[in-house]
């Protein structure tokens, strides 16, 4: 899919990592697509193989067309439900158009972060 990073959630709050527009929501509520004003496209994929839950365990707070600021609420994951269904809760943020982007820097260090704090930088130059 592209470069990105994964977050191991300690609670079920999923927030936008960037200022962006919501451009896609999967019917199964487990994935949300974002696009920044500079053209970077991101996919927030909540859990692993969670498409099989058909929306169970996810409450979305956004709709397609919504404008988000970094740190805005996107979804709530019911971590216990997801784990009890035998799925993993990792949240993957994939940069889906990285071949189109140049001079990008992705955080590579593992560390704990609070929602709304900076974890790295993505520089875009077309």
N, C-alpha and C. Protein backbone atom coordinates (compact mmCIF):
# COMPACT_ATOMS: atom_id res chain seq x y z
N UNK A 1 0.82 -1.21 0.00
CA UNK A 1 0.00 0.00 0.00
C UNK A 1 0.85 1.26 0.00
N UNK A 2 2.00 1.19 0.62
CA UNK A 2 2.84 2.37 0.73
C UNK A 2 3.50 2.41 2.09
N UNK A 3 4.26 3.46 2.31
CA UNK A 3 4.93 3.63 3.59
C UNK A 3 3.90 4.01 4.63
N UNK A 4 4.31 3.97 5.88
CA UNK A 4 3.41 4.34 6.95
C UNK A 4 3.93 3.92 8.29
N UNK A 5 3.00 3.79 9.22
CA UNK A 5 3.36 3.39 10.57
C UNK A 5 2.17 2.71 11.21
N UNK A 6 2.43 2.00 12.29
CA UNK A 6 1.37 1.33 13.03
C UNK A 6 1.36 1.85 14.46
N UNK A 7 0.17 1.86 15.04
CA UNK A 7 -0.01 2.28 16.42
C UNK A 7 -0.67 1.14 17.17
N UNK A 8 -0.12 0.79 18.31
CA UNK A 8 -0.75 -0.20 19.18
C UNK A 8 -1.57 0.60 20.19
N UNK A 9 -2.89 0.63 20.03
CA UNK A 9 -3.71 1.51 20.88
C UNK A 9 -3.76 1.03 22.33
N UNK A 10 -3.76 2.00 23.24
CA UNK A 10 -3.94 1.69 24.66
C UNK A 10 -5.37 1.99 25.09
N UNK A 11 -6.10 2.68 24.22
CA UNK A 11 -7.54 2.88 24.40
C UNK A 11 -8.13 2.82 22.99
N UNK A 12 -9.40 2.96 22.85
CA UNK A 12 -10.02 2.80 21.54
C UNK A 12 -10.18 4.07 20.74
N UNK A 13 -9.62 5.17 21.21
CA UNK A 13 -9.78 6.44 20.51
C UNK A 13 -8.88 6.50 19.28
N UNK A 14 -9.47 6.76 18.12
CA UNK A 14 -8.71 6.90 16.88
C UNK A 14 -8.89 8.34 16.41
N UNK A 15 -7.76 9.04 16.22
CA UNK A 15 -7.80 10.43 15.81
C UNK A 15 -7.04 10.63 14.51
N UNK A 16 -7.34 11.73 13.84
CA UNK A 16 -6.64 12.03 12.59
C UNK A 16 -5.20 12.43 12.88
N UNK A 17 -4.25 11.86 12.14
CA UNK A 17 -2.85 12.24 12.33
C UNK A 17 -2.49 13.55 11.64
N UNK A 18 -3.37 14.05 10.77
CA UNK A 18 -3.08 15.24 9.96
C UNK A 18 -4.35 16.05 9.72
N UNK A 19 -4.17 17.28 9.24
CA UNK A 19 -5.28 18.06 8.72
C UNK A 19 -5.62 17.46 7.36
N UNK A 20 -6.89 17.07 7.15
CA UNK A 20 -7.23 16.40 5.90
C UNK A 20 -8.74 16.33 5.72
N UNK A 21 -9.13 15.96 4.49
CA UNK A 21 -10.53 15.69 4.17
C UNK A 21 -10.77 14.19 4.21
N UNK A 22 -11.92 13.78 4.73
CA UNK A 22 -12.31 12.37 4.69
C UNK A 22 -12.81 12.10 3.28
N UNK A 23 -12.12 11.21 2.57
CA UNK A 23 -12.47 10.94 1.17
C UNK A 23 -13.05 9.54 0.96
N UNK A 24 -12.95 8.66 1.98
CA UNK A 24 -13.45 7.31 1.81
C UNK A 24 -13.70 6.69 3.18
N UNK A 25 -14.82 5.97 3.29
CA UNK A 25 -15.11 5.19 4.49
C UNK A 25 -15.58 3.81 4.02
N UNK A 26 -14.93 2.77 4.51
CA UNK A 26 -15.34 1.41 4.18
C UNK A 26 -16.67 1.10 4.87
N UNK A 27 -17.54 0.36 4.18
CA UNK A 27 -18.83 -0.03 4.76
C UNK A 27 -18.66 -0.76 6.08
N UNK A 28 -17.58 -1.49 6.22
CA UNK A 28 -17.32 -2.26 7.43
C UNK A 28 -16.74 -1.41 8.56
N UNK A 29 -16.62 -0.12 8.34
CA UNK A 29 -16.19 0.88 9.34
C UNK A 29 -14.77 0.70 9.85
N UNK A 30 -14.00 -0.21 9.31
CA UNK A 30 -12.66 -0.49 9.83
C UNK A 30 -11.57 0.34 9.15
N UNK A 31 -11.92 1.12 8.14
CA UNK A 31 -10.91 1.89 7.42
C UNK A 31 -11.50 3.21 6.92
N UNK A 32 -10.67 4.25 7.02
CA UNK A 32 -11.05 5.59 6.60
C UNK A 32 -9.92 6.18 5.77
N UNK A 33 -10.26 6.74 4.61
CA UNK A 33 -9.27 7.37 3.75
C UNK A 33 -9.28 8.88 3.93
N UNK A 34 -8.10 9.47 3.99
CA UNK A 34 -7.93 10.91 4.15
C UNK A 34 -7.07 11.46 3.03
N UNK A 35 -7.26 12.75 2.72
CA UNK A 35 -6.40 13.42 1.74
C UNK A 35 -6.10 14.82 2.26
N UNK A 36 -4.80 15.15 2.30
CA UNK A 36 -4.39 16.47 2.76
C UNK A 36 -4.49 17.49 1.63
N UNK A 37 -4.44 18.76 1.98
CA UNK A 37 -4.49 19.82 0.98
C UNK A 37 -3.32 19.73 0.01
N UNK A 38 -2.19 19.16 0.46
CA UNK A 38 -1.01 19.00 -0.40
C UNK A 38 -1.05 17.74 -1.25
N UNK A 39 -2.14 16.95 -1.12
CA UNK A 39 -2.29 15.78 -1.97
C UNK A 39 -1.87 14.45 -1.38
N UNK A 40 -1.38 14.44 -0.14
CA UNK A 40 -1.00 13.18 0.50
C UNK A 40 -2.26 12.40 0.83
N UNK A 41 -2.27 11.12 0.46
CA UNK A 41 -3.42 10.25 0.73
C UNK A 41 -3.03 9.23 1.79
N UNK A 42 -3.87 9.14 2.82
CA UNK A 42 -3.62 8.23 3.93
C UNK A 42 -4.80 7.30 4.12
N UNK A 43 -4.51 6.11 4.55
CA UNK A 43 -5.54 5.16 4.92
C UNK A 43 -5.34 4.82 6.39
N UNK A 44 -6.36 5.07 7.21
CA UNK A 44 -6.34 4.65 8.61
C UNK A 44 -7.07 3.31 8.65
N UNK A 45 -6.32 2.26 8.89
CA UNK A 45 -6.86 0.89 8.91
C UNK A 45 -6.87 0.42 10.35
N UNK A 46 -8.06 0.24 10.91
CA UNK A 46 -8.21 -0.08 12.32
C UNK A 46 -8.32 -1.59 12.53
N UNK A 47 -7.27 -2.16 13.09
CA UNK A 47 -7.23 -3.58 13.35
C UNK A 47 -6.73 -4.36 12.15
N UNK A 48 -6.47 -5.63 12.39
CA UNK A 48 -5.98 -6.52 11.34
C UNK A 48 -7.04 -7.60 11.10
N UNK A 49 -7.44 -7.73 9.84
CA UNK A 49 -8.51 -8.64 9.41
C UNK A 49 -9.86 -8.28 10.05
N UNK A 50 -10.03 -7.02 10.42
CA UNK A 50 -11.27 -6.57 11.06
C UNK A 50 -12.39 -6.31 10.06
N UNK A 51 -12.11 -6.35 8.77
CA UNK A 51 -13.18 -6.25 7.77
C UNK A 51 -14.19 -7.38 8.01
N UNK A 52 -13.71 -8.49 8.53
CA UNK A 52 -14.57 -9.65 8.78
C UNK A 52 -15.58 -9.40 9.90
N UNK A 53 -15.42 -8.33 10.67
CA UNK A 53 -16.35 -8.02 11.76
C UNK A 53 -17.59 -7.28 11.26
N UNK A 54 -17.58 -6.89 9.97
CA UNK A 54 -18.74 -6.21 9.35
C UNK A 54 -19.22 -5.00 10.15
N UNK A 55 -18.29 -4.22 10.67
CA UNK A 55 -18.64 -3.01 11.40
C UNK A 55 -18.72 -3.19 12.90
N UNK A 56 -18.79 -4.42 13.37
CA UNK A 56 -18.85 -4.66 14.81
C UNK A 56 -17.57 -4.19 15.49
N UNK A 57 -17.72 -3.46 16.59
CA UNK A 57 -16.56 -2.98 17.34
C UNK A 57 -16.08 -1.60 16.94
N UNK A 58 -16.79 -0.95 15.99
CA UNK A 58 -16.36 0.37 15.52
C UNK A 58 -17.51 1.36 15.56
N UNK A 59 -17.23 2.54 16.09
CA UNK A 59 -18.17 3.66 16.01
C UNK A 59 -17.44 4.80 15.31
N UNK A 60 -17.97 5.22 14.17
CA UNK A 60 -17.34 6.30 13.40
C UNK A 60 -17.94 7.65 13.78
N UNK A 61 -17.09 8.67 13.79
CA UNK A 61 -17.51 10.02 14.09
C UNK A 61 -17.38 10.95 12.89
N UNK A 62 -17.06 10.39 11.72
CA UNK A 62 -16.83 11.21 10.52
C UNK A 62 -17.67 10.68 9.37
N UNK A 63 -17.82 11.55 8.36
CA UNK A 63 -18.49 11.20 7.11
C UNK A 63 -17.59 11.66 5.97
N UNK A 64 -17.80 11.08 4.79
CA UNK A 64 -17.05 11.54 3.63
C UNK A 64 -17.32 13.02 3.42
N UNK A 65 -16.27 13.77 3.12
CA UNK A 65 -16.37 15.21 2.91
C UNK A 65 -16.03 16.03 4.14
N UNK A 66 -15.99 15.41 5.32
CA UNK A 66 -15.64 16.15 6.53
C UNK A 66 -14.21 16.65 6.45
N UNK A 67 -13.98 17.84 6.97
CA UNK A 67 -12.65 18.43 7.07
C UNK A 67 -12.15 18.22 8.49
N UNK A 68 -11.00 17.58 8.64
CA UNK A 68 -10.45 17.27 9.96
C UNK A 68 -9.18 18.05 10.22
N UNK A 69 -8.96 18.34 11.48
CA UNK A 69 -7.68 18.86 11.96
C UNK A 69 -6.96 17.71 12.64
N UNK A 70 -5.64 17.75 12.66
CA UNK A 70 -4.87 16.73 13.36
C UNK A 70 -5.37 16.65 14.80
N UNK A 71 -5.66 15.45 15.25
CA UNK A 71 -6.16 15.23 16.60
C UNK A 71 -7.66 15.12 16.71
N UNK A 72 -8.40 15.44 15.62
CA UNK A 72 -9.86 15.30 15.64
C UNK A 72 -10.25 13.82 15.73
N UNK A 73 -11.33 13.54 16.45
CA UNK A 73 -11.81 12.16 16.60
C UNK A 73 -12.29 11.61 15.25
N UNK A 74 -11.86 10.42 14.93
CA UNK A 74 -12.28 9.71 13.73
C UNK A 74 -13.21 8.56 14.11
N UNK A 75 -12.82 7.78 15.11
CA UNK A 75 -13.59 6.59 15.48
C UNK A 75 -13.28 6.18 16.90
N UNK A 76 -14.12 5.30 17.39
CA UNK A 76 -13.89 4.62 18.67
C UNK A 76 -13.88 3.13 18.37
N UNK A 77 -12.82 2.45 18.79
CA UNK A 77 -12.71 1.01 18.63
C UNK A 77 -13.03 0.35 19.97
N UNK A 78 -13.84 -0.68 19.95
CA UNK A 78 -14.10 -1.48 21.15
C UNK A 78 -13.00 -2.55 21.19
N UNK A 79 -11.91 -2.24 21.86
CA UNK A 79 -10.74 -3.12 21.84
C UNK A 79 -11.05 -4.50 22.40
N UNK A 80 -11.84 -4.57 23.47
CA UNK A 80 -12.18 -5.87 24.05
C UNK A 80 -12.97 -6.72 23.05
N UNK A 81 -13.95 -6.12 22.39
CA UNK A 81 -14.75 -6.85 21.41
C UNK A 81 -13.86 -7.37 20.28
N UNK A 82 -13.00 -6.51 19.75
CA UNK A 82 -12.13 -6.89 18.64
C UNK A 82 -11.21 -8.04 19.05
N UNK A 83 -10.60 -7.93 20.23
CA UNK A 83 -9.73 -9.00 20.72
C UNK A 83 -10.50 -10.29 20.97
N UNK A 84 -11.70 -10.18 21.54
CA UNK A 84 -12.53 -11.37 21.79
C UNK A 84 -12.95 -12.06 20.50
N UNK A 85 -12.99 -11.31 19.39
CA UNK A 85 -13.31 -11.90 18.09
C UNK A 85 -12.07 -12.49 17.41
N UNK A 86 -10.95 -12.46 18.12
CA UNK A 86 -9.72 -13.07 17.60
C UNK A 86 -8.95 -12.20 16.62
N UNK A 87 -9.22 -10.90 16.63
CA UNK A 87 -8.54 -9.97 15.72
C UNK A 87 -7.53 -9.14 16.50
N UNK A 88 -6.58 -8.57 15.78
CA UNK A 88 -5.59 -7.68 16.38
C UNK A 88 -6.08 -6.25 16.30
N UNK A 89 -5.67 -5.42 17.25
CA UNK A 89 -6.17 -4.05 17.33
C UNK A 89 -5.23 -3.00 16.76
N UNK A 90 -4.08 -3.40 16.21
CA UNK A 90 -3.13 -2.44 15.64
C UNK A 90 -3.84 -1.50 14.67
N UNK A 91 -3.53 -0.22 14.76
CA UNK A 91 -4.05 0.77 13.82
C UNK A 91 -2.91 1.11 12.86
N UNK A 92 -3.13 0.86 11.59
CA UNK A 92 -2.11 1.10 10.57
C UNK A 92 -2.47 2.36 9.81
N UNK A 93 -1.51 3.26 9.69
CA UNK A 93 -1.69 4.46 8.87
C UNK A 93 -0.76 4.30 7.67
N UNK A 94 -1.35 4.04 6.52
CA UNK A 94 -0.58 3.82 5.29
C UNK A 94 -0.68 5.05 4.40
N UNK A 95 0.45 5.47 3.86
CA UNK A 95 0.49 6.57 2.91
C UNK A 95 0.31 5.94 1.54
N UNK A 96 -0.89 6.02 1.00
CA UNK A 96 -1.24 5.21 -0.17
C UNK A 96 -0.72 5.74 -1.49
N UNK A 97 -0.23 6.97 -1.53
CA UNK A 97 0.31 7.48 -2.78
C UNK A 97 1.77 7.89 -2.63
N UNK A 98 2.53 7.17 -1.85
CA UNK A 98 3.94 7.52 -1.66
C UNK A 98 4.76 7.52 -2.94
N UNK A 99 4.47 6.69 -3.95
CA UNK A 99 5.28 6.81 -5.17
C UNK A 99 5.14 8.18 -5.83
N UNK A 100 4.04 8.89 -5.57
CA UNK A 100 3.84 10.21 -6.14
C UNK A 100 4.49 11.32 -5.32
N UNK A 101 4.97 10.99 -4.15
CA UNK A 101 5.52 11.99 -3.24
C UNK A 101 7.04 11.91 -3.22
N UNK A 102 7.67 13.05 -2.97
CA UNK A 102 9.12 13.13 -2.92
C UNK A 102 9.52 13.77 -1.60
N UNK A 103 10.73 13.52 -1.14
CA UNK A 103 11.25 14.12 0.08
C UNK A 103 10.33 13.90 1.28
N UNK A 104 10.01 12.67 1.55
CA UNK A 104 9.14 12.39 2.69
C UNK A 104 9.99 11.79 3.81
N UNK A 105 9.65 12.11 5.02
CA UNK A 105 10.32 11.57 6.18
C UNK A 105 9.28 10.93 7.07
N UNK A 106 9.47 9.69 7.41
CA UNK A 106 8.54 8.95 8.25
C UNK A 106 9.25 8.62 9.55
N UNK A 107 8.56 8.77 10.65
CA UNK A 107 9.14 8.42 11.95
C UNK A 107 9.46 6.93 11.96
N UNK A 108 10.62 6.56 12.46
CA UNK A 108 11.02 5.16 12.46
C UNK A 108 11.21 4.61 13.86
N UNK A 109 11.20 5.46 14.86
CA UNK A 109 11.44 5.01 16.22
C UNK A 109 10.14 4.60 16.89
N UNK A 110 10.21 3.53 17.66
CA UNK A 110 9.04 3.09 18.42
C UNK A 110 8.99 3.89 19.71
N UNK A 111 7.83 4.49 20.00
CA UNK A 111 7.67 5.23 21.24
C UNK A 111 6.19 5.41 21.53
N UNK A 112 5.89 5.73 22.77
CA UNK A 112 4.52 6.01 23.16
C UNK A 112 4.22 7.48 22.90
N UNK A 113 3.02 7.73 22.38
CA UNK A 113 2.61 9.11 22.12
C UNK A 113 1.16 9.31 22.56
N UNK A 114 0.82 10.52 22.87
CA UNK A 114 -0.54 10.91 23.20
C UNK A 114 -1.20 11.44 21.94
N UNK A 115 -2.50 11.24 21.82
CA UNK A 115 -3.25 11.79 20.68
C UNK A 115 -3.02 13.28 20.61
N UNK A 116 -2.74 13.77 19.42
CA UNK A 116 -2.53 15.19 19.20
C UNK A 116 -1.07 15.62 19.28
N UNK A 117 -0.19 14.73 19.73
CA UNK A 117 1.22 15.08 19.80
C UNK A 117 1.90 14.71 18.49
N UNK A 118 3.04 15.30 18.23
CA UNK A 118 3.76 15.06 16.99
C UNK A 118 4.61 13.80 17.11
N UNK A 119 4.55 12.94 16.08
CA UNK A 119 5.37 11.73 16.08
C UNK A 119 6.38 11.73 14.94
N UNK A 120 6.30 12.68 14.07
CA UNK A 120 7.20 12.70 12.93
C UNK A 120 6.76 13.72 11.94
N UNK A 121 7.29 13.64 10.76
CA UNK A 121 7.00 14.64 9.75
C UNK A 121 6.90 13.99 8.39
N UNK A 122 6.00 14.48 7.59
CA UNK A 122 5.90 14.07 6.20
C UNK A 122 6.05 15.33 5.37
N UNK A 123 7.13 15.45 4.64
CA UNK A 123 7.35 16.60 3.78
C UNK A 123 6.94 16.22 2.37
N UNK A 124 6.17 17.08 1.71
CA UNK A 124 5.70 16.79 0.37
C UNK A 124 6.21 17.87 -0.57
N UNK A 125 6.88 17.45 -1.62
CA UNK A 125 7.32 18.38 -2.66
C UNK A 125 7.07 17.71 -3.99
N UNK A 126 6.22 18.28 -4.80
CA UNK A 126 5.91 17.67 -6.09
C UNK A 126 6.85 18.17 -7.16
